[in-house]
Every structure is written in C-alpha cells, then in structure tokens.
PDB file of N, CA and C in Angstrom:
ATOM      1  N   MET A   1     116.584 -19.336   5.833  1.00  0.00           N
ATOM      2  CA  MET A   1     116.325 -19.410   4.597  1.00  0.00           C
ATOM      3  C   MET A   1     117.318 -20.530   3.733  1.00  0.00           C
ATOM      4  N   ARG A   2     116.538 -20.975   2.627  1.00  0.00           N
ATOM      5  CA  ARG A   2     117.301 -22.371   2.416  1.00  0.00           C
ATOM      6  C   ARG A   2     117.630 -21.697   0.684  1.00  0.00           C
ATOM      7  N   ALA A   3     118.259 -22.543   0.479  1.00  0.00           N
ATOM      8  CA  ALA A   3     119.004 -22.408  -0.653  1.00  0.00           C
ATOM      9  C   ALA A   3     118.854 -23.793  -1.513  1.00  0.00           C
ATOM     10  N   VAL A   4     117.836 -23.821  -2.581  1.00  0.00           N
ATOM     11  CA  VAL A   4     117.408 -25.065  -3.363  1.00  0.00           C
ATOM     12  C   VAL A   4     117.933 -25.542  -4.671  1.00  0.00           C
ATOM     13  N   LYS A   5     118.452 -26.712  -5.498  1.00  0.00           N
ATOM     14  CA  LYS A   5     118.457 -26.692  -6.173  1.00  0.00           C
ATOM     15  C   LYS A   5     118.473 -28.661  -6.512  1.00  0.00           C
ATOM     16  N   GLY A   6     117.202 -28.470  -7.683  1.00  0.00           N
ATOM     17  CA  GLY A   6     116.656 -30.077  -7.602  1.00  0.00           C
ATOM     18  C   GLY A   6     116.816 -30.358  -5.993  1.00  0.00           C
ATOM     19  N   ASN A   7     117.461 -31.971  -6.148  1.00  0.00           N
ATOM     20  CA  ASN A   7     117.008 -32.265  -4.768  1.00  0.00           C
ATOM     21  C   ASN A   7     118.011 -31.931  -3.664  1.00  0.00           C
ATOM     22  N   LYS A   8     118.644 -31.057  -3.877  1.00  0.00           N
ATOM     23  CA  LYS A   8     119.648 -30.636  -2.674  1.00  0.00           C
ATOM     24  C   LYS A   8     118.572 -29.721  -2.161  1.00  0.00           C
ATOM     25  N   VAL A   9     118.856 -29.167  -0.823  1.00  0.00           N
ATOM     26  CA  VAL A   9     118.993 -28.180  -0.079  1.00  0.00           C
ATOM     27  C   VAL A   9     119.365 -27.767   0.912  1.00  0.00           C
ATOM     28  N   TYR A  10     119.710 -27.001   1.281  1.00  0.00           N
ATOM     29  CA  TYR A  10     121.076 -25.972   2.204  1.00  0.00           C
ATOM     30  C   TYR A  10     120.486 -25.152   3.245  1.00  0.00           C
ATOM     31  N   THR A  11     120.339 -25.268   4.242  1.00  0.00           N
ATOM     32  CA  THR A  11     120.170 -23.970   5.117  1.00  0.00           C
ATOM     33  C   THR A  11     121.193 -22.800   5.442  1.00  0.00           C
ATOM     34  N   ILE A  12     120.533 -21.761   5.120  1.00  0.00           N
ATOM     35  CA  ILE A  12     121.729 -20.621   4.956  1.00  0.00           C
ATOM     36  C   ILE A  12     121.598 -19.060   5.457  1.00  0.00           C
ATOM     37  N   ASP A  13     122.603 -18.362   5.449  1.00  0.00           N
ATOM     38  CA  ASP A  13     121.870 -17.523   6.256  1.00  0.00           C
ATOM     39  C   ASP A  13     122.327 -15.822   4.701  1.00  0.00           C
ATOM     40  N   GLU A  14     121.762 -15.050   5.183  1.00  0.00           N
ATOM     41  CA  GLU A  14     121.914 -13.583   4.441  1.00  0.00           C
ATOM     42  C   GLU A  14     123.651 -13.852   3.836  1.00  0.00           C
ATOM     43  N   SER A  15     124.358 -13.693   4.265  1.00  0.00           N
ATOM     44  CA  SER A  15     125.464 -13.880   3.911  1.00  0.00           C
ATOM     45  C   SER A  15     126.043 -14.535   2.615  1.00  0.00           C
ATOM     46  N   GLN A  16     125.380 -16.103   2.548  1.00  0.00           N
ATOM     47  CA  GLN A  16     125.717 -16.533   1.847  1.00  0.00           C
ATOM     48  C   GLN A  16     124.718 -16.817   0.714  1.00  0.00           C
ATOM     49  N   LYS A  17     123.653 -16.322   0.608  1.00  0.00           N
ATOM     50  CA  LYS A  17     122.432 -15.375  -0.107  1.00  0.00           C
ATOM     51  C   LYS A  17     122.891 -15.555  -1.354  1.00  0.00           C
ATOM     52  N   SER A  18     123.960 -14.650  -1.982  1.00  0.00           N
ATOM     53  CA  SER A  18     124.925 -14.221  -3.256  1.00  0.00           C
ATOM     54  C   SER A  18     125.225 -15.347  -3.513  1.00  0.00           C
ATOM     55  N   HIS A  19     125.937 -16.292  -2.901  1.00  0.00           N
ATOM     56  CA  HIS A  19     127.100 -17.392  -3.035  1.00  0.00           C
ATOM     57  C   HIS A  19     125.775 -18.357  -4.126  1.00  0.00           C
ATOM     58  N   TYR A  20     124.874 -18.746  -3.078  1.00  0.00           N
ATOM     59  CA  TYR A  20     124.538 -19.581  -3.499  1.00  0.00           C
ATOM     60  C   TYR A  20     123.258 -19.170  -4.788  1.00  0.00           C
ATOM     61  N   GLN A  21     123.125 -18.220  -4.764  1.00  0.00           N
ATOM     62  CA  GLN A  21     122.400 -17.906  -6.052  1.00  0.00           C
ATOM     63  C   GLN A  21     123.651 -17.761  -7.435  1.00  0.00           C
ATOM     64  N   ASP A  22     124.483 -17.247  -7.185  1.00  0.00           N
ATOM     65  CA  ASP A  22     125.161 -17.477  -8.316  1.00  0.00           C
ATOM     66  C   ASP A  22     125.701 -18.849  -8.748  1.00  0.00           C
ATOM     67  N   ALA A  23     125.371 -19.631  -8.260  1.00  0.00           N
ATOM     68  CA  ALA A  23     125.505 -21.164  -8.382  1.00  0.00           C
ATOM     69  C   ALA A  23     124.338 -21.803  -9.048  1.00  0.00           C
ATOM     70  N   GLY A  24     123.365 -20.778  -8.957  1.00  0.00           N
ATOM     71  CA  GLY A  24     121.707 -21.869  -9.215  1.00  0.00           C
ATOM     72  C   GLY A  24     121.010 -21.770  -8.390  1.00  0.00           C
ATOM     73  N   PHE A  25     121.597 -21.687  -7.294  1.00  0.00           N
ATOM     74  CA  PHE A  25     120.104 -22.543  -6.177  1.00  0.00           C
ATOM     75  C   PHE A  25     118.814 -21.271  -6.152  1.00  0.00           C
ATOM     76  N   ASP A  26     117.834 -21.422  -6.237  1.00  0.00           N
ATOM     77  CA  ASP A  26     116.709 -20.361  -5.334  1.00  0.00           C
ATOM     78  C   ASP A  26     116.773 -21.008  -4.262  1.00  0.00           C
ATOM     79  N   ILE A  27     116.733 -19.337  -3.889  1.00  0.00           N
ATOM     80  CA  ILE A  27     116.590 -18.733  -2.385  1.00  0.00           C
ATOM     81  C   ILE A  27     115.045 -18.937  -1.841  1.00  0.00           C
ATOM     82  N   VAL A  28     115.317 -19.708  -0.889  1.00  0.00           N
ATOM     83  CA  VAL A  28     113.562 -19.643  -0.245  1.00  0.00           C
ATOM     84  C   VAL A  28     113.564 -19.001   1.032  1.00  0.00           C
ATOM     85  N   GLY A  29     112.856 -18.025   1.357  1.00  0.00           N
ATOM     86  CA  GLY A  29     112.623 -17.160   2.747  1.00  0.00           C
ATOM     87  C   GLY A  29     112.091 -18.878   3.617  1.00  0.00           C
ATOM     88  N   ASP A  30     111.919 -18.281   4.878  1.00  0.00           N
ATOM     89  CA  ASP A  30     111.468 -19.131   6.231  1.00  0.00           C
ATOM     90  C   ASP A  30     110.084 -19.259   5.909  1.00  0.00           C
ATOM     91  N   ASP A  31     109.089 -18.756   4.953  1.00  0.00           N
ATOM     92  CA  ASP A  31     107.941 -18.622   5.414  1.00  0.00           C
ATOM     93  C   ASP A  31     107.158 -19.637   3.640  1.00  0.00           C
ATOM     94  N   GLY A  32     108.505 -20.080   2.692  1.00  0.00           N
ATOM     95  CA  GLY A  32     108.459 -20.996   2.117  1.00  0.00           C
ATOM     96  C   GLY A  32     107.729 -19.791   0.942  1.00  0.00           C
ATOM     97  N   GLU A  33     108.301 -18.884   0.512  1.00  0.00           N
ATOM     98  CA  GLU A  33     107.940 -17.987  -0.855  1.00  0.00           C
ATOM     99  C   GLU A  33     109.327 -17.786  -1.586  1.00  0.00           C
ATOM    100  N   ILE A  34     109.244 -17.998  -2.368  1.00  0.00           N
ATOM    101  CA  ILE A  34     110.526 -17.593  -3.011  1.00  0.00           C
ATOM    102  C   ILE A  34     111.240 -16.518  -2.946  1.00  0.00           C
ATOM    103  N   VAL A  35     112.438 -15.463  -2.594  1.00  0.00           N
ATOM    104  CA  VAL A  35     113.397 -14.547  -2.012  1.00  0.00           C
ATOM    105  C   VAL A  35     113.788 -14.463  -3.366  1.00  0.00           C
ATOM    106  N   ALA A  36     114.271 -15.479  -3.926  1.00  0.00           N
ATOM    107  CA  ALA A  36     115.674 -15.321  -5.464  1.00  0.00           C
ATOM    108  C   ALA A  36     115.343 -15.804  -6.308  1.00  0.00           C
ATOM    109  N   TYR A  37     115.716 -15.939  -7.464  1.00  0.00           N
ATOM    110  CA  TYR A  37     115.680 -17.442  -8.972  1.00  0.00           C
ATOM    111  C   TYR A  37     116.993 -17.657  -8.344  1.00  0.00           C
ATOM    112  N   GLY A  38     117.860 -18.695  -8.996  1.00  0.00           N
ATOM    113  CA  GLY A  38     119.296 -18.737  -9.535  1.00  0.00           C
ATOM    114  C   GLY A  38     119.876 -18.647 -10.485  1.00  0.00           C
ATOM    115  N   LYS A  39     120.757 -18.100 -10.774  1.00  0.00           N
ATOM    116  CA  LYS A  39     120.958 -17.323 -11.774  1.00  0.00           C
ATOM    117  C   LYS A  39     121.666 -18.773 -13.176  1.00  0.00           C
ATOM    118  N   GLY A  40     121.731 -18.448 -14.469  1.00  0.00           N
ATOM    119  CA  GLY A  40     122.639 -19.284 -15.308  1.00  0.00           C
ATOM    120  C   GLY A  40     121.298 -20.089 -15.580  1.00  0.00           C
ATOM    121  N   LYS A  41     120.051 -19.936 -15.032  1.00  0.00           N
ATOM    122  CA  LYS A  41     118.790 -20.484 -16.064  1.00  0.00           C
ATOM    123  C   LYS A  41     118.956 -20.511 -17.794  1.00  0.00           C
ATOM    124  N   THR A  42     118.366 -20.507 -18.445  1.00  0.00           N
ATOM    125  CA  THR A  42     118.624 -21.118 -19.800  1.00  0.00           C
ATOM    126  C   THR A  42     117.447 -19.529 -20.332  1.00  0.00           C
ATOM    127  N   VAL A  43     116.612 -19.703 -19.553  1.00  0.00           N
ATOM    128  CA  VAL A  43     116.050 -18.326 -19.627  1.00  0.00           C
ATOM    129  C   VAL A  43     115.461 -17.955 -18.418  1.00  0.00           C
ATOM    130  N   PRO A  44     115.945 -16.418 -18.016  1.00  0.00           N
ATOM    131  CA  PRO A  44     115.914 -16.026 -16.435  1.00  0.00           C
ATOM    132  C   PRO A  44     114.647 -16.116 -15.662  1.00  0.00           C
ATOM    133  N   TYR A  45     114.218 -16.546 -14.888  1.00  0.00           N
ATOM    134  CA  TYR A  45     112.853 -16.495 -14.509  1.00  0.00           C
ATOM    135  C   TYR A  45     112.209 -15.860 -14.536  1.00  0.00           C
ATOM    136  N   ASP A  46     112.756 -14.375 -14.182  1.00  0.00           N
ATOM    137  CA  ASP A  46     112.329 -13.421 -13.880  1.00  0.00           C
ATOM    138  C   ASP A  46     111.213 -12.750 -15.353  1.00  0.00           C
ATOM    139  N   GLU A  47     112.436 -13.077 -16.305  1.00  0.00           N
ATOM    140  CA  GLU A  47     111.885 -12.848 -17.854  1.00  0.00           C
ATOM    141  C   GLU A  47     110.309 -14.001 -17.713  1.00  0.00           C
ATOM    142  N   TYR A  48     110.787 -15.181 -17.508  1.00  0.00           N
ATOM    143  CA  TYR A  48     109.932 -15.982 -17.690  1.00  0.00           C
ATOM    144  C   TYR A  48     108.266 -15.870 -16.969  1.00  0.00           C
ATOM    145  N   GLU A  49     108.721 -15.599 -15.942  1.00  0.00           N
ATOM    146  CA  GLU A  49     107.342 -15.100 -15.229  1.00  0.00           C
ATOM    147  C   GLU A  49     106.441 -13.894 -15.866  1.00  0.00           C
ATOM    148  N   ALA A  50     107.571 -12.830 -16.244  1.00  0.00           N
ATOM    149  CA  ALA A  50     106.459 -11.394 -16.682  1.00  0.00           C
ATOM    150  C   ALA A  50     106.036 -12.167 -17.774  1.00  0.00           C
ATOM    151  N   LEU A  51     106.326 -13.258 -18.597  1.00  0.00           N
ATOM    152  CA  LEU A  51     105.959 -13.709 -19.683  1.00  0.00           C
ATOM    153  C   LEU A  51     104.695 -14.429 -19.637  1.00  0.00           C
ATOM    154  N   LYS A  52     104.736 -15.352 -18.484  1.00  0.00           N
ATOM    155  CA  LYS A  52     103.121 -15.654 -18.294  1.00  0.00           C
ATOM    156  C   LYS A  52     102.701 -15.146 -17.692  1.00  0.00           C
ATOM    157  N   ALA A  53     102.428 -13.816 -17.087  1.00  0.00           N
ATOM    158  CA  ALA A  53     101.560 -12.916 -16.303  1.00  0.00           C
ATOM    159  C   ALA A  53     100.798 -12.373 -17.597  1.00  0.00           C
ATOM    160  N   GLU A  54     102.006 -11.855 -18.521  1.00  0.00           N
ATOM    161  CA  GLU A  54     101.386 -11.333 -19.855  1.00  0.00           C
ATOM    162  C   GLU A  54     100.322 -12.433 -20.382  1.00  0.00           C
ATOM    163  N   ASN A  55     101.094 -13.425 -20.744  1.00  0.00           N
ATOM    164  CA  ASN A  55     100.301 -14.386 -21.234  1.00  0.00           C
ATOM    165  C   ASN A  55      98.656 -14.445 -20.518  1.00  0.00           C
ATOM    166  N   GLU A  56      98.746 -14.656 -19.308  1.00  0.00           N
ATOM    167  CA  GLU A  56      97.853 -14.584 -18.703  1.00  0.00           C
ATOM    168  C   GLU A  56      96.454 -13.850 -18.971  1.00  0.00           C
ATOM    169  N   ALA A  57      96.882 -12.746 -18.788  1.00  0.00           N
ATOM    170  CA  ALA A  57      96.371 -11.229 -19.147  1.00  0.00           C
ATOM    171  C   ALA A  57      95.516 -11.383 -20.745  1.00  0.00           C
ATOM    172  N   LEU A  58      96.199 -11.827 -21.632  1.00  0.00           N
ATOM    173  CA  LEU A  58      95.922 -11.863 -22.805  1.00  0.00           C
ATOM    174  C   LEU A  58      94.721 -12.741 -23.150  1.00  0.00           C
ATOM    175  N   LYS A  59      95.141 -13.630 -22.415  1.00  0.00           N
ATOM    176  CA  LYS A  59      93.779 -15.203 -22.899  1.00  0.00           C
ATOM    177  C   LYS A  59      92.421 -14.749 -22.054  1.00  0.00           C
ATOM    178  N   GLU A  60      92.581 -13.412 -21.373  1.00  0.00           N
ATOM    179  CA  GLU A  60      91.856 -12.820 -20.356  1.00  0.00           C
ATOM    180  C   GLU A  60      90.566 -12.179 -21.100  1.00  0.00           C
ATOM    181  N   GLN A  61      91.617 -11.177 -21.689  1.00  0.00           N
ATOM    182  CA  GLN A  61      91.429 -10.568 -22.699  1.00  0.00           C
ATOM    183  C   GLN A  61      90.731 -11.066 -23.789  1.00  0.00           C
ATOM    184  N   LEU A  62      91.110 -12.438 -24.713  1.00  0.00           N
ATOM    185  CA  LEU A  62      90.675 -12.673 -25.508  1.00  0.00           C
ATOM    186  C   LEU A  62      89.811 -13.246 -25.369  1.00  0.00           C
ATOM    187  N   ALA A  63      89.076 -14.293 -23.733  1.00  0.00           N
ATOM    188  CA  ALA A  63      88.042 -14.783 -23.474  1.00  0.00           C
ATOM    189  C   ALA A  63      86.735 -13.709 -23.834  1.00  0.00           C
ATOM    190  N   LYS A  64      87.778 -12.834 -22.969  1.00  0.00           N
ATOM    191  CA  LYS A  64      85.873 -11.323 -22.900  1.00  0.00           C
ATOM    192  C   LYS A  64      85.928 -11.164 -24.668  1.00  0.00           C
ATOM    193  N   ALA A  65      86.825 -11.220 -25.511  1.00  0.00           N
ATOM    194  CA  ALA A  65      85.885 -10.367 -26.754  1.00  0.00           C
ATOM    195  C   ALA A  65      85.574 -11.531 -27.222  1.00  0.00           C
ATOM    196  N   GLU A  66      85.531 -13.217 -27.020  1.00  0.00           N
ATOM    197  CA  GLU A  66      85.285 -13.947 -27.932  1.00  0.00           C
ATOM    198  C   GLU A  66      83.609 -14.015 -27.010  1.00  0.00           C
ATOM    199  N   ASP A  67      83.084 -13.651 -25.978  1.00  0.00           N
ATOM    200  CA  ASP A  67      82.312 -13.745 -25.469  1.00  0.00           C
ATOM    201  C   ASP A  67      80.529 -12.971 -25.718  1.00  0.00           C
ATOM    202  N   VAL A  68      81.886 -11.745 -26.548  1.00  0.00           N
ATOM    203  CA  VAL A  68      80.833 -10.197 -26.976  1.00  0.00           C
ATOM    204  C   VAL A  68      80.159 -10.933 -28.392  1.00  0.00           C
ATOM    205  N   PRO A  69      78.678 -10.944 -28.148  1.00  0.00           N
ATOM    206  CA  PRO A  69      78.103 -11.453 -29.662  1.00  0.00           C
ATOM    207  C   PRO A  69      78.280 -10.934 -30.472  1.00  0.00           C
ATOM    208  N   LYS A  70      78.887 -10.921 -31.858  1.00  0.00           N
ATOM    209  CA  LYS A  70      79.131 -10.037 -33.106  1.00  0.00           C
ATOM    210  C   LYS A  70      77.949  -9.667 -33.881  1.00  0.00           C
ATOM    211  N   PRO A  71      78.342  -8.345 -34.606  1.00  0.00           N
ATOM    212  CA  PRO A  71      76.847  -7.787 -35.014  1.00  0.00           C
ATOM    213  C   PRO A  71      76.349  -8.467 -36.591  1.00  0.00           C
ATOM    214  N   GLU A  72      75.250  -9.030 -37.158  1.00  0.00           N
ATOM    215  CA  GLU A  72      74.747  -9.722 -37.449  1.00  0.00           C
ATOM    216  C   GLU A  72      75.108  -9.084 -38.810  1.00  0.00           C
ATOM    217  N   LYS A  73      75.737  -9.977 -40.041  1.00  0.00           N
ATOM    218  CA  LYS A  73      76.085  -9.208 -41.433  1.00  0.00           C
ATOM    219  C   LYS A  73      74.397  -9.050 -42.154  1.00  0.00           C
ATOM    220  N   SER A  74      74.120  -8.546 -43.087  1.00  0.00           N
ATOM    221  CA  SER A  74      72.738  -8.594 -44.120  1.00  0.00           C
ATOM    222  C   SER A  74      73.339  -9.781 -44.802  1.00  0.00           C
ATOM    223  N   GLY A  75      74.429  -9.324 -45.136  1.00  0.00           N
ATOM    224  CA  GLY A  75      74.696  -9.866 -46.997  1.00  0.00           C
ATOM    225  C   GLY A  75      74.496  -9.080 -48.154  1.00  0.00           C
ATOM    226  N   LYS A  76      73.931  -8.046 -47.959  1.00  0.00           N
ATOM    227  CA  LYS A  76      73.104  -7.433 -48.892  1.00  0.00           C
ATOM    228  C   LYS A  76      74.834  -6.547 -49.705  1.00  0.00           C
ATOM    229  N   GLY A  77      75.028  -7.014 -50.528  1.00  0.00           N
ATOM    230  CA  GLY A  77      75.833  -5.402 -51.638  1.00  0.00           C
ATOM    231  C   GLY A  77      77.230  -6.037 -50.789  1.00  0.00           C
ATOM    232  N   THR A  78      77.043  -8.012 -50.999  1.00  0.00           N
ATOM    233  CA  THR A  78      78.676  -8.999 -50.273  1.00  0.00           C
ATOM    234  C   THR A  78      78.181  -9.653 -51.112  1.00  0.00           C
ATOM    235  N   ASP A  79      78.056  -9.969 -51.852  1.00  0.00           N
ATOM    236  CA  ASP A  79      78.231 -10.947 -52.914  1.00  0.00           C
ATOM    237  C   ASP A  79      78.594 -10.144 -54.591  1.00  0.00           C
ATOM    238  N   LYS A  80      79.824  -9.888 -54.929  1.00  0.00           N
ATOM    239  CA  LYS A  80      80.292  -9.467 -56.038  1.00  0.00           C
ATOM    240  C   LYS A  80      79.802 -10.458 -57.088  1.00  0.00           C
ATOM    241  N   LYS A  81      79.021 -10.417 -58.198  1.00  0.00           N
ATOM    242  CA  LYS A  81      79.071 -11.534 -59.209  1.00  0.00           C
ATOM    243  C   LYS A  81      79.681 -10.376 -60.557  1.00  0.00           C
ATOM    244  N   ALA A  82      80.528 -11.187 -61.125  1.00  0.00           N
ATOM    245  CA  ALA A  82      81.850 -11.192 -62.063  1.00  0.00           C
ATOM    246  C   ALA A  82      80.390 -11.069 -63.790  1.00  0.00           C
ATOM    247  N   GLU A  83      80.827  -9.729 -64.208  1.00  0.00           N
ATOM    248  CA  GLU A  83      80.350  -9.030 -65.156  1.00  0.00           C
ATOM    249  C   GLU A  83      80.660  -9.589 -66.442  1.00  0.00           C
ATOM    250  N   ALA A  84      79.172 -10.023 -67.433  1.00  0.00           N
ATOM    251  CA  ALA A  84      80.177 -10.609 -68.102  1.00  0.00           C
ATOM    252  C   ALA A  84      79.736  -9.897 -69.572  1.00  0.00           C
TER     253      ALA A  84
END
C-alpha cells in the first residue's frame, strides 16, 4: 500500500498506516483504490463524499421532476378584479 500527499508517495505496510493517515496522507491500496483518507483536512473527506452523493441524488430527482409535464391551469377564477 502507499501513502500519498501532494507529490509525495511512500510505500508503507499496515503497521505504518495510522501514522501516515494522522499526518494527512491518503492511504491507497495495491489495487489503486483509496483505503483511508488523511486526517486534518479542512472538510473531512468522508463528509464531503456523503454530501456529494446526496447532491447527485437530489439533482437526479430534480431532473425527473422537471421532465413530468405540469397540468394546464384553465385560468377561470384566477384573475381577481378590485371592486370599486
């Protein structure tokens, strides 16, 4: 596995994982998938990912809602004239 931060990449083993994670390094497995995100970032990455997923789901719902045709209003009784 590797510890990655900026342009620094270190090959580490399981025993060094928490040390590098505490130092802000992202931990990447041998397959290239991120195993753990580094600590000390402005916004915790797990929270960012959750909000990003929620945002995508809401965008899909909005797109579906915009595709549904809205019923036409007849206009009768909608104009209110001021009585003098």
